[in-house]
Structure formats: structure tokens, C-alpha cells
Amino acid sequence: MNAQMPASGVEPGPALPAGATTARVDRNGCLVRADEPLLQLHHDLGGSIASELAVPPLLDLVRHCLRLGMRLSRPVTAASPSALIDLWCECAPDATGATLALTRWAERPLPASAVAPHATLPLPSDPHGANIRLDRLGRIIQFNPPHGFIPADAGERFLLKPLSALLHTDDDEPIENPLSIDGQRVRLVGDTRCWIASLPGDAETPAPVLTLREASPLDDADATPPLPPLFDGERIGHLFGSQIGPALRLPIGRIIANAETIGGRLEGPLRADYAGYASDIASAGRHLLALVDDLADLEAIEASGFSAAREPVDLADLSRRAAGLLALKAADRQIRIDKPADDEMQPAVGEFRRVLQVLLNLLGNAINYAPDGSMIWLRLDDGPGWASVTVADQGPGLSSEDQQRLFNKWERLGRSGDGGSGLGLYISRRLALVMDGDLTIESAPGQGARFTLMLPTV
């Protein structure tokens, strides 16, 4: 039997949140319509109606959503010419494009390093090429266009716009990471010539200068680089989050969606054993997708310079969110989650999505290892300069020896059938430490486990 996605080719989902700022994007990533203030942000960054969405993190989410054919939501930070904007974005795909719904829109000042007066530095002029100076946010702060480039006022028109507003790759894809295009063939928007990009010196300087040189036939002849090592672990590691991970998510997502369609008998009657096989395939796919996510997180947290945002968070609210997201998983095993009351609050400082990620990992582990029909508690506490949330279960507990190994990378404590990667707790503790907090455990054999996430309050 051939299982198919719904007629639209995408996964259906609940209605987008009421009162949200909404926008419509076609399957090419071009903005069809948008509410304010998103429309103004799009214009401020050099976009217009029917042009490609000019807010890079939102465009990235739209493309990912359309590739998978699945509804996605995540926190997003975008940069306008005068502020950083934190918001929550939900993206729902359909047959002709995607609808965006933005909530919790909050603006904050640009960091001092982003508005440093590097635009006053002299920028070399090259009659045979172009020079572009960028700030720490990857925005254009100076542009000396090449001879014959139209419009003539481009030096001012593109100021404080993202580099993607001016440059595309030779394959007509917008430049998403300015520091990764050294040596690439690129094109200026509205210009038919092909250019070779060069970012000499230290790419981490406060105001790097990107140089464009017109490509020649000799560039193609000399373009064969030396062969890389057969296995370069560092190079492969840095490619995972940006290339390998996204390439794996698409086929795995399709496998899961098709298996769930078959298992749910949405296409008609099906023998029970075949429905069971489909359920096993979907479950294995979800485990594999979780491993891909873990490896992408591992690459991110082990990269030099990795940091987390410092923003006010409410541990009570995040605990309730985590409990709500995993409520069905717990109900399948008749496990009750005792979460903080709706009017309870516990202020702390951390990064919203990272704290939620840690709590989902802790609560998911508790559900996996607690006995059927048991209880899991989410408890809040605070003290001078700190606040905490504890996830306590009635599982088998851990010996002191296991507790010492628990936060090690790839550590699964001898378990082989639970589908875990052995990375979740390692990543969670690293995230807690990056947020100036910690993740600890109290346990004993036969007495369950208590994992406590501590975060600063100032």
C-alpha cells in the first residue's frame, strides 16, 4: 500500500495564534503580504512586496519548514537598523507557500560593539572591483560599488542592510553567513557580472572588509583545491549543523510522516501487524531525528565562542510549558506530572529556548525511566542570587558510581534499548554552565532521581 501525505503535501496543524503579526511567503521565499511591524522591518532591510523575505532568520525558518513540509516554531532574534528584535515565530506550510505568525515581539538596543563607529574608517576604492565593510551583525556599514554598478547611490542605499540584501551566491542563493564566503563566486543584486569574494585577515575583527574581484576564465582553471584529508574530524564536525544535519532531517521527516500515515490507517483499512510495523518505523525515525538534533547541538556547544543569551525567564512558566509539551507522552504510561500552579512564578536569568531545552530533556528522561502509573514532580526553589527547578521521579535511581559518569559525553550507563544517544544530559549540563548555572543530581538505588537546574537571578 502506498501511503501519501495529505493533498497539500504538508502536515496539517492547529490554527495560528490569534492576535499575532502574520505574513504570507510563497514557495520561493518571496513576501506576498505582511502585517506591521514585520512589513516595516522587511522594508528597512531592503525588501519589498514580491521580493525575497529580507529577514535572514525568518527566511531560514521558512525554507526549513517548506523543505520538511511540517509546521515549525522557534524563538528568533533579528536585527533591524536600530535594534535587536526577539520574537517567537510559528511557520505553517501549505501547497503554495507558508504562513508566519509572530508573537512576543520585543526590541532591545543593539550591543555597543554593533554600533561602533567603524564606518568612519577609510575604505579602499578599486576601479576593477568592490569593497564592503561589515559590522559584527553582518550588516553593511560601508560599500564602494564597482564601476558601472546601478543604482549609483548604492553606497547609501544598502547601509545597515544585511549582506544578503546585496550579495547572492553564483547559484542565486542569498548569503547567510558573511564569514563563510571567502573564495566563493558571488553576484551583486541587479548586476550580471560574477565576482570572487575575499575576506583577508582575521574574520573575527570588529569590522571586516569584504573584497570583490571580477571573475575571469583563469579562476575556473585554477579552482581545483588540494584534496582534503580522507577523514578530517574537525571539518566534518563543523559541517554537521549547517549541511549534514539539514540534509538528513528532510528524508527522516518524510519517513516519519509516511509511517504515521500508514500506522494511522488514514488511507483505509490495514492489517494490525502492518500498522504495528509502521508505528515501529515512525518511532525509529523519531529516535534518529533526535540523534541528528543532539549532534547539531553538540557541534554548537563545543564550538569556540559559544554563548547563551542573558534574558529574564520564569522557571515556573517554562516548567508548565515543558509539562504541557510532554503531557501526551506521560499519559500513554499513566504517569502524572505535578507541575507548578498557574499563578506561581520563579524569576531567573538565562536563555528562554535553552532553559526549555534542558527541562524537556530532564522531564523526558524522567518519563522514560519512571514506572507506569507513577508521579513526577517539578519543584521550584530560590536563594540569594539563584533560583532552581527540580525534576524528581520514582524511577529505579542511580548509584553514586553511575552519578559520577552520568554527565559524560555518550554515556548511557549500559542501556542499549531506550533509543537515547547518551548526549542529552551532557548537552544539558553544558548549557546550564554556559548560562552561569549548573545541573546536579541526587539519587540512590530504588529511591528515584532528583535533577536540579540552577540559574542566576541577576
Protein backbone atom coordinates (compact mmCIF):
# COMPACT_ATOMS: atom_id res chain seq x y z
CA MET A 1 0.00 0.00 0.00
CA ASN A 2 1.38 3.42 -0.90
CA ALA A 3 0.90 5.94 1.90
CA GLN A 4 0.65 9.56 0.87
CA MET A 5 0.77 12.90 2.60
CA PRO A 6 -2.44 14.99 2.61
CA ALA A 7 -3.39 16.61 -0.71
CA SER A 8 -1.46 19.75 0.13
CA GLY A 9 1.75 17.72 0.61
CA VAL A 10 2.28 19.13 4.09
CA GLU A 11 1.46 18.19 7.63
CA PRO A 12 -1.76 19.83 8.89
CA GLY A 13 -1.63 21.63 12.21
CA PRO A 14 -3.65 23.75 14.60
CA ALA A 15 -4.65 27.30 13.79
CA LEU A 16 -2.02 30.01 14.16
CA PRO A 17 -2.26 32.08 17.36
CA ALA A 18 -4.87 34.82 17.43
CA GLY A 19 -3.59 38.39 17.59
CA ALA A 20 -0.23 37.50 16.08
CA THR A 21 1.64 39.53 13.47
CA THR A 22 1.18 37.45 10.33
CA ALA A 23 2.84 37.24 6.94
CA ARG A 24 2.48 35.18 3.81
CA VAL A 25 5.51 33.85 1.90
CA ASP A 26 5.43 31.92 -1.39
CA ARG A 27 7.43 28.74 -2.05
CA ASN A 28 10.34 30.79 -3.42
CA GLY A 29 10.68 32.67 -0.14
CA CYS A 30 9.18 35.89 -1.52
CA LEU A 31 6.95 38.01 0.69
CA VAL A 32 3.35 38.15 -0.52
CA ARG A 33 1.93 40.23 2.34
CA ALA A 34 2.79 41.12 5.94
CA ASP A 35 1.36 42.96 8.92
CA GLU A 36 3.18 45.74 10.68
CA PRO A 37 5.77 45.82 12.22
CA LEU A 38 7.17 42.94 10.14
CA LEU A 39 6.41 44.77 6.89
CA GLN A 40 8.37 47.80 8.11
CA LEU A 41 11.30 45.58 9.17
CA HIS A 42 11.27 43.93 5.74
CA HIS A 43 11.39 47.36 4.05
CA ASP A 44 14.10 48.61 6.44
CA LEU A 45 16.28 45.66 5.42
CA GLY A 46 15.94 46.39 1.72
CA GLY A 47 12.94 44.21 0.83
CA SER A 48 9.67 44.94 -0.90
CA ILE A 49 6.44 43.10 -1.60
CA ALA A 50 7.12 40.20 -4.01
CA SER A 51 10.85 40.27 -3.18
CA GLU A 52 12.63 37.66 -1.08
CA LEU A 53 11.95 37.94 2.66
CA ALA A 54 14.75 40.24 3.84
CA VAL A 55 14.91 39.00 7.46
CA PRO A 56 17.51 36.18 7.30
CA PRO A 57 16.47 34.12 10.38
CA LEU A 58 12.81 34.17 9.30
CA LEU A 59 13.72 33.24 5.73
CA ASP A 60 15.81 30.35 7.06
CA LEU A 61 12.86 29.09 9.12
CA VAL A 62 10.50 29.36 6.12
CA ARG A 63 12.87 27.37 3.90
CA HIS A 64 13.34 24.69 6.55
CA CYS A 65 9.58 24.48 7.06
CA LEU A 66 8.91 24.13 3.32
CA ARG A 67 11.66 21.51 2.89
CA LEU A 68 10.19 19.31 5.63
CA GLY A 69 6.55 20.08 4.84
CA MET A 70 5.98 20.41 8.57
CA ARG A 71 4.81 23.13 10.91
CA LEU A 72 7.76 24.59 12.87
CA SER A 73 8.09 27.12 15.68
CA ARG A 74 11.10 28.60 17.44
CA PRO A 75 12.45 31.77 19.07
CA VAL A 76 14.13 34.14 16.62
CA THR A 77 16.43 37.13 17.03
CA ALA A 78 16.55 39.55 14.10
CA ALA A 79 18.48 42.78 13.62
CA SER A 80 16.89 45.98 12.35
CA PRO A 81 18.97 49.08 11.52
CA SER A 82 18.43 50.38 15.06
CA ALA A 83 17.64 47.44 17.37
CA LEU A 84 17.74 43.71 18.03
CA ILE A 85 14.29 42.10 17.94
CA ASP A 86 13.43 38.98 19.94
CA LEU A 87 10.25 37.17 18.93
CA TRP A 88 8.53 33.79 18.73
CA CYS A 89 7.79 32.60 15.20
CA GLU A 90 5.42 29.86 14.05
CA CYS A 91 5.57 28.76 10.42
CA ALA A 92 2.80 26.68 8.82
CA PRO A 93 3.41 25.35 5.27
CA ASP A 94 0.79 24.61 2.61
CA ALA A 95 0.65 23.89 -1.09
CA THR A 96 1.54 27.43 -2.24
CA GLY A 97 3.90 28.64 0.46
CA ALA A 98 3.87 29.28 4.19
CA THR A 99 2.15 31.49 6.74
CA LEU A 100 4.19 33.11 9.51
CA ALA A 101 2.75 34.11 12.88
CA LEU A 102 4.95 36.27 15.12
CA THR A 103 4.32 36.82 18.83
CA ARG A 104 6.24 38.19 21.82
CA TRP A 105 7.88 40.88 19.65
CA ALA A 106 10.38 42.72 21.90
CA GLU A 107 13.04 45.21 20.84
CA ARG A 108 16.29 45.88 22.68
CA PRO A 109 19.24 48.17 21.95
CA LEU A 110 22.00 46.99 19.65
CA PRO A 111 25.14 45.92 21.54
CA ALA A 112 27.75 48.63 21.76
CA SER A 113 30.12 46.63 19.56
CA ALA A 114 27.50 46.56 16.79
CA VAL A 115 27.22 50.34 16.56
CA ALA A 116 30.91 51.20 16.91
CA PRO A 117 31.94 53.99 14.54
CA HIS A 118 33.86 51.80 12.08
CA ALA A 119 32.04 53.50 9.23
CA THR A 120 34.40 56.44 9.65
CA LEU A 121 37.41 54.29 8.69
CA PRO A 122 38.73 54.78 5.15
CA LEU A 123 37.57 52.11 2.71
CA PRO A 124 39.83 51.34 -0.26
CA SER A 125 38.48 52.16 -3.71
CA ASP A 126 39.11 49.65 -6.52
CA PRO A 127 38.15 50.59 -10.11
CA HIS A 128 38.10 46.88 -11.05
CA GLY A 129 36.21 45.58 -8.03
CA ALA A 130 34.24 46.47 -4.90
CA ASN A 131 34.80 46.71 -1.15
CA ILE A 132 32.23 46.14 1.58
CA ARG A 133 32.79 46.79 5.30
CA LEU A 134 30.58 44.81 7.71
CA ASP A 135 29.75 45.25 11.38
CA ARG A 136 29.59 42.46 13.98
CA LEU A 137 25.99 41.68 12.98
CA GLY A 138 26.99 41.11 9.35
CA ARG A 139 25.37 44.36 8.18
CA ILE A 140 26.81 46.67 5.55
CA ILE A 141 28.29 49.83 7.06
CA GLN A 142 30.36 50.91 4.02
CA PHE A 143 30.09 49.98 0.35
CA ASN A 144 32.28 51.15 -2.52
CA PRO A 145 30.42 49.74 -5.56
CA PRO A 146 32.26 48.63 -8.70
CA HIS A 147 32.33 50.74 -11.84
CA GLY A 148 29.05 50.52 -13.73
CA PHE A 149 27.02 49.22 -10.80
CA ILE A 150 23.45 50.53 -10.75
CA PRO A 151 21.99 52.20 -8.70
CA ALA A 152 24.55 54.94 -8.39
CA ASP A 153 23.54 55.72 -4.80
CA ALA A 154 24.19 52.12 -3.70
CA GLY A 155 26.78 53.29 -1.16
CA GLU A 156 23.95 54.83 0.90
CA ARG A 157 21.02 52.63 -0.16
CA PHE A 158 22.47 49.44 1.37
CA LEU A 159 23.75 50.94 4.64
CA LEU A 160 22.82 48.84 7.71
CA LYS A 161 21.21 46.20 5.49
CA PRO A 162 22.21 42.53 5.83
CA LEU A 163 24.74 41.31 3.29
CA SER A 164 22.02 39.10 1.78
CA ALA A 165 20.29 42.28 0.55
CA LEU A 166 23.28 42.98 -1.72
CA LEU A 167 25.05 39.68 -2.45
CA HIS A 168 23.87 36.29 -3.70
CA THR A 169 25.88 33.17 -4.46
CA ASP A 170 26.57 32.21 -8.06
CA ASP A 171 23.58 29.84 -7.72
CA ASP A 172 21.35 32.82 -6.80
CA GLU A 173 21.08 31.87 -3.12
CA PRO A 174 21.32 34.74 -0.59
CA ILE A 175 24.47 34.95 1.51
CA GLU A 176 23.51 33.84 5.02
CA ASN A 177 26.93 33.76 6.72
CA PRO A 178 29.26 36.55 5.52
CA LEU A 179 32.29 34.96 7.18
CA SER A 180 31.95 31.75 5.15
CA ILE A 181 32.17 33.15 1.61
CA ASP A 182 35.94 33.68 1.30
CA GLY A 183 36.91 32.46 -2.19
CA GLN A 184 33.32 31.91 -3.34
CA ARG A 185 31.80 33.09 -6.60
CA VAL A 186 29.08 35.68 -5.88
CA ARG A 187 26.82 38.13 -7.69
CA LEU A 188 25.70 41.62 -6.74
CA VAL A 189 21.93 42.08 -6.82
CA GLY A 190 20.97 43.66 -10.14
CA ASP A 191 24.42 43.07 -11.68
CA THR A 192 25.08 40.36 -14.28
CA ARG A 193 28.81 40.02 -13.57
CA CYS A 194 30.31 37.25 -11.45
CA TRP A 195 32.72 38.16 -8.64
CA ILE A 196 35.23 36.33 -6.44
CA ALA A 197 34.76 37.20 -2.76
CA SER A 198 37.75 37.61 -0.49
CA LEU A 199 37.82 38.20 3.25
CA PRO A 200 41.51 38.70 4.06
CA GLY A 201 42.96 38.75 7.55
CA ASP A 202 41.07 37.78 10.71
CA ALA A 203 37.39 37.23 10.01
CA GLU A 204 36.62 37.95 13.68
CA THR A 205 37.78 41.57 13.56
CA PRO A 206 35.13 44.12 14.59
CA ALA A 207 34.70 45.50 11.04
CA PRO A 208 35.94 43.05 8.38
CA VAL A 209 36.27 44.29 4.80
CA LEU A 210 34.93 42.01 2.07
CA THR A 211 36.64 42.48 -1.30
CA LEU A 212 35.05 41.55 -4.62
CA ARG A 213 37.17 40.90 -7.72
CA GLU A 214 35.56 40.24 -11.11
CA ALA A 215 35.89 36.56 -12.03
CA SER A 216 37.86 35.56 -15.12
CA PRO A 217 38.23 32.29 -17.10
CA LEU A 218 41.51 31.70 -15.25
CA ASP A 219 39.58 31.38 -11.98
CA ASP A 220 37.87 28.25 -13.31
CA ALA A 221 41.18 26.80 -14.46
CA ASP A 222 42.83 27.40 -11.10
CA ALA A 223 39.85 26.50 -8.96
CA THR A 224 40.90 22.92 -8.11
CA PRO A 225 41.92 22.99 -4.43
CA PRO A 226 44.21 20.40 -2.84
CA LEU A 227 42.34 17.29 -1.77
CA PRO A 228 41.32 17.35 1.91
CA PRO A 229 42.33 14.51 4.21
CA LEU A 230 40.27 11.35 3.75
CA PHE A 231 38.70 11.97 7.17
CA ASP A 232 39.03 15.38 8.78
CA GLY A 233 37.05 15.10 12.03
CA GLU A 234 37.06 18.83 12.79
CA ARG A 235 35.94 19.74 9.27
CA ILE A 236 33.17 17.13 9.28
CA GLY A 237 32.05 18.28 12.73
CA HIS A 238 31.67 21.89 11.64
CA LEU A 239 29.65 20.81 8.59
CA PHE A 240 27.06 18.86 10.55
CA GLY A 241 24.81 21.66 11.79
CA SER A 242 24.94 23.64 8.54
CA GLN A 243 24.89 20.91 5.87
CA ILE A 244 24.75 17.28 7.02
CA GLY A 245 22.04 17.77 9.66
CA PRO A 246 19.58 19.61 7.37
CA ALA A 247 20.20 17.06 4.60
CA LEU A 248 19.30 14.22 6.99
CA ARG A 249 16.23 15.90 8.52
CA LEU A 250 14.33 16.07 5.22
CA PRO A 251 14.28 12.34 4.36
CA ILE A 252 13.86 11.31 8.01
CA GLY A 253 10.92 13.71 8.38
CA ARG A 254 9.30 12.22 5.27
CA ILE A 255 9.80 8.67 6.58
CA ILE A 256 8.16 9.59 9.89
CA ALA A 257 5.23 11.35 8.20
CA ASN A 258 4.56 8.47 5.79
CA ALA A 259 4.90 5.84 8.53
CA GLU A 260 2.45 7.72 10.75
CA THR A 261 0.01 8.00 7.83
CA ILE A 262 0.19 4.24 7.30
CA GLY A 263 0.03 3.42 11.01
CA GLY A 264 -2.98 5.68 11.47
CA ARG A 265 -4.84 3.85 8.66
CA LEU A 266 -5.60 7.23 7.07
CA GLU A 267 -5.63 5.66 3.59
CA GLY A 268 -8.05 2.86 4.54
CA PRO A 269 -8.12 -0.47 6.40
CA LEU A 270 -4.81 -2.17 7.14
CA ARG A 271 -3.84 -5.35 8.93
CA ALA A 272 -2.91 -4.75 12.56
CA ASP A 273 0.59 -6.22 12.21
CA TYR A 274 1.38 -3.89 9.28
CA ALA A 275 0.11 -0.92 11.26
CA GLY A 276 2.42 -2.04 14.07
CA TYR A 277 5.38 -2.20 11.67
CA ALA A 278 4.61 1.36 10.54
CA SER A 279 4.47 2.51 14.15
CA ASP A 280 7.89 0.95 14.78
CA ILE A 281 9.30 2.71 11.71
CA ALA A 282 7.92 6.08 12.87
CA SER A 283 9.33 5.52 16.37
CA ALA A 284 12.77 4.62 14.97
CA GLY A 285 12.63 7.69 12.73
CA ARG A 286 11.90 9.95 15.70
CA HIS A 287 14.84 8.46 17.59
CA LEU A 288 17.09 9.07 14.59
CA LEU A 289 15.81 12.64 14.23
CA ALA A 290 16.50 13.23 17.93
CA LEU A 291 20.07 11.98 17.40
CA VAL A 292 20.51 14.42 14.50
CA ASP A 293 19.31 17.25 16.75
CA ASP A 294 21.66 16.11 19.54
CA LEU A 295 24.65 16.07 17.18
CA ALA A 296 23.79 19.56 15.89
CA ASP A 297 23.54 20.82 19.50
CA LEU A 298 26.81 19.08 20.36
CA GLU A 299 28.57 20.84 17.49
CA ALA A 300 27.14 24.19 18.60
CA ILE A 301 28.05 23.97 22.29
CA GLU A 302 31.57 22.71 21.61
CA ALA A 303 32.33 25.47 19.10
CA SER A 304 34.71 28.14 20.32
CA GLY A 305 32.89 31.27 21.43
CA PHE A 306 29.55 29.55 22.06
CA SER A 307 27.43 31.58 24.47
CA ALA A 308 23.83 31.86 25.64
CA ALA A 309 21.66 34.95 25.85
CA ARG A 310 21.06 36.57 29.23
CA GLU A 311 17.37 37.41 29.45
CA PRO A 312 14.70 37.27 32.17
CA VAL A 313 12.97 33.89 32.29
CA ASP A 314 10.27 32.42 34.52
CA LEU A 315 11.19 28.89 35.63
CA ALA A 316 7.58 28.26 36.69
CA ASP A 317 6.25 29.18 33.25
CA LEU A 318 8.94 27.12 31.50
CA SER A 319 8.18 24.14 33.76
CA ARG A 320 4.49 24.34 32.83
CA ARG A 321 5.40 24.58 29.14
CA ALA A 322 7.65 21.50 29.33
CA ALA A 323 4.94 19.56 31.18
CA GLY A 324 2.37 20.54 28.56
CA LEU A 325 4.60 19.51 25.66
CA LEU A 326 5.21 16.05 27.19
CA ALA A 327 1.73 15.52 28.66
CA LEU A 328 0.65 13.01 25.99
CA LYS A 329 3.87 11.02 26.34
CA ALA A 330 3.31 10.80 30.10
CA ALA A 331 -0.39 9.95 29.70
CA ASP A 332 0.48 6.98 27.47
CA ARG A 333 2.07 5.40 30.56
CA GLN A 334 -0.43 6.77 33.09
CA ILE A 335 2.29 8.97 34.62
CA ARG A 336 1.10 12.13 36.35
CA ILE A 337 3.21 15.31 36.23
CA ASP A 338 2.81 17.59 39.25
CA LYS A 339 3.76 20.99 37.83
CA PRO A 340 3.84 24.49 39.38
CA ALA A 341 0.48 26.23 39.83
CA ASP A 342 -0.65 28.64 37.11
CA ASP A 343 -0.14 31.68 39.38
CA GLU A 344 3.29 30.58 40.59
CA MET A 345 6.39 32.46 39.36
CA GLN A 346 10.14 31.91 39.74
CA PRO A 347 12.26 34.63 38.04
CA ALA A 348 15.75 33.76 36.83
CA VAL A 349 18.24 34.78 34.14
CA GLY A 350 19.07 32.53 31.17
CA GLU A 351 18.15 31.92 27.54
CA PHE A 352 14.47 31.01 27.10
CA ARG A 353 14.83 28.28 24.48
CA ARG A 354 17.91 26.75 26.12
CA VAL A 355 16.24 26.53 29.54
CA LEU A 356 13.20 24.92 27.91
CA GLN A 357 15.50 22.50 26.07
CA VAL A 358 17.11 21.41 29.34
CA LEU A 359 13.74 20.96 31.08
CA LEU A 360 12.36 18.92 28.18
CA ASN A 361 15.40 16.64 28.36
CA LEU A 362 15.10 16.16 32.14
CA LEU A 363 11.35 15.60 32.04
CA GLY A 364 11.60 13.29 29.02
CA ASN A 365 14.21 11.17 30.81
CA ALA A 366 12.01 11.01 33.92
CA ILE A 367 9.06 9.76 31.84
CA ASN A 368 11.28 7.17 30.10
CA TYR A 369 12.62 5.64 33.31
CA ALA A 370 9.76 6.12 35.79
CA PRO A 371 7.39 3.14 36.30
CA ASP A 372 3.91 3.17 34.77
CA GLY A 373 1.33 4.90 36.93
CA SER A 374 3.93 6.81 38.96
CA MET A 375 4.36 10.52 39.70
CA ILE A 376 6.88 13.13 38.53
CA TRP A 377 7.29 16.40 40.41
CA LEU A 378 8.50 19.79 39.16
CA ARG A 379 9.53 21.86 42.20
CA LEU A 380 10.83 25.44 42.41
CA ASP A 381 13.27 26.94 44.91
CA ASP A 382 15.40 30.06 45.27
CA GLY A 383 18.05 31.68 47.42
CA PRO A 384 20.41 34.65 47.42
CA GLY A 385 21.29 35.24 43.77
CA TRP A 386 19.93 31.92 42.45
CA ALA A 387 16.74 30.10 41.50
CA SER A 388 16.16 26.46 40.66
CA VAL A 389 13.73 23.91 39.31
CA THR A 390 13.95 20.24 40.30
CA VAL A 391 12.59 17.29 38.30
CA ALA A 392 12.00 14.35 40.65
CA ASP A 393 10.78 10.88 39.65
CA GLN A 394 10.03 7.49 41.21
CA GLY A 395 12.34 5.54 38.92
CA PRO A 396 14.98 2.94 39.84
CA GLY A 397 17.51 5.54 40.99
CA LEU A 398 21.25 5.65 40.40
CA SER A 399 24.29 4.51 42.34
CA SER A 400 26.99 7.00 43.28
CA GLU A 401 29.26 5.46 40.61
CA ASP A 402 26.62 5.98 37.92
CA GLN A 403 26.03 9.54 39.08
CA GLN A 404 29.72 10.35 38.54
CA ARG A 405 29.51 9.12 34.93
CA LEU A 406 26.05 10.43 34.11
CA PHE A 407 27.05 13.78 32.58
CA ASN A 408 29.80 12.34 30.37
CA LYS A 409 29.52 12.53 26.61
CA TRP A 410 27.93 9.41 25.01
CA GLU A 411 27.24 7.95 28.47
CA ARG A 412 24.21 5.64 28.52
CA LEU A 413 25.01 3.69 31.70
CA GLY A 414 24.89 0.38 29.87
CA ARG A 415 21.37 0.90 28.47
CA SER A 416 21.03 -0.21 24.87
CA GLY A 417 17.31 -0.33 24.06
CA ASP A 418 15.95 3.10 25.04
CA GLY A 419 16.87 4.88 21.82
CA GLY A 420 18.88 7.58 23.61
CA SER A 421 22.14 8.96 22.25
CA GLY A 422 23.95 9.46 25.53
CA LEU A 423 24.26 13.17 24.72
CA GLY A 424 21.17 14.71 26.32
CA LEU A 425 22.47 15.19 29.86
CA TYR A 426 25.95 16.15 28.64
CA ILE A 427 24.44 18.88 26.45
CA SER A 428 22.02 19.96 29.20
CA ARG A 429 24.79 20.44 31.76
CA ARG A 430 26.97 22.32 29.28
CA LEU A 431 24.05 24.63 28.55
CA ALA A 432 23.45 25.18 32.28
CA LEU A 433 27.12 26.09 32.79
CA VAL A 434 27.11 28.46 29.79
CA MET A 435 24.15 30.26 31.40
CA ASP A 436 26.25 30.68 34.62
CA GLY A 437 24.25 27.95 36.35
CA ASP A 438 24.61 24.23 36.96
CA LEU A 439 22.79 20.91 36.67
CA THR A 440 23.10 18.45 39.57
CA ILE A 441 21.65 15.10 40.60
CA GLU A 442 20.63 13.50 43.87
CA SER A 443 19.74 9.82 43.79
CA ALA A 444 20.14 6.40 45.36
CA PRO A 445 19.22 2.91 44.09
CA GLY A 446 15.50 2.33 44.50
CA GLN A 447 14.77 5.93 45.51
CA GLY A 448 14.26 7.71 42.19
CA ALA A 449 16.31 10.68 40.96
CA ARG A 450 16.20 14.44 41.52
CA PHE A 451 17.77 16.60 38.79
CA THR A 452 18.12 20.27 39.73
CA LEU A 453 18.74 23.09 37.24
CA MET A 454 20.14 26.18 38.99
CA LEU A 455 20.33 29.59 37.32
CA PRO A 456 21.35 33.06 38.48
CA THR A 457 18.69 35.68 39.24
CA VAL A 458 20.88 38.69 38.40
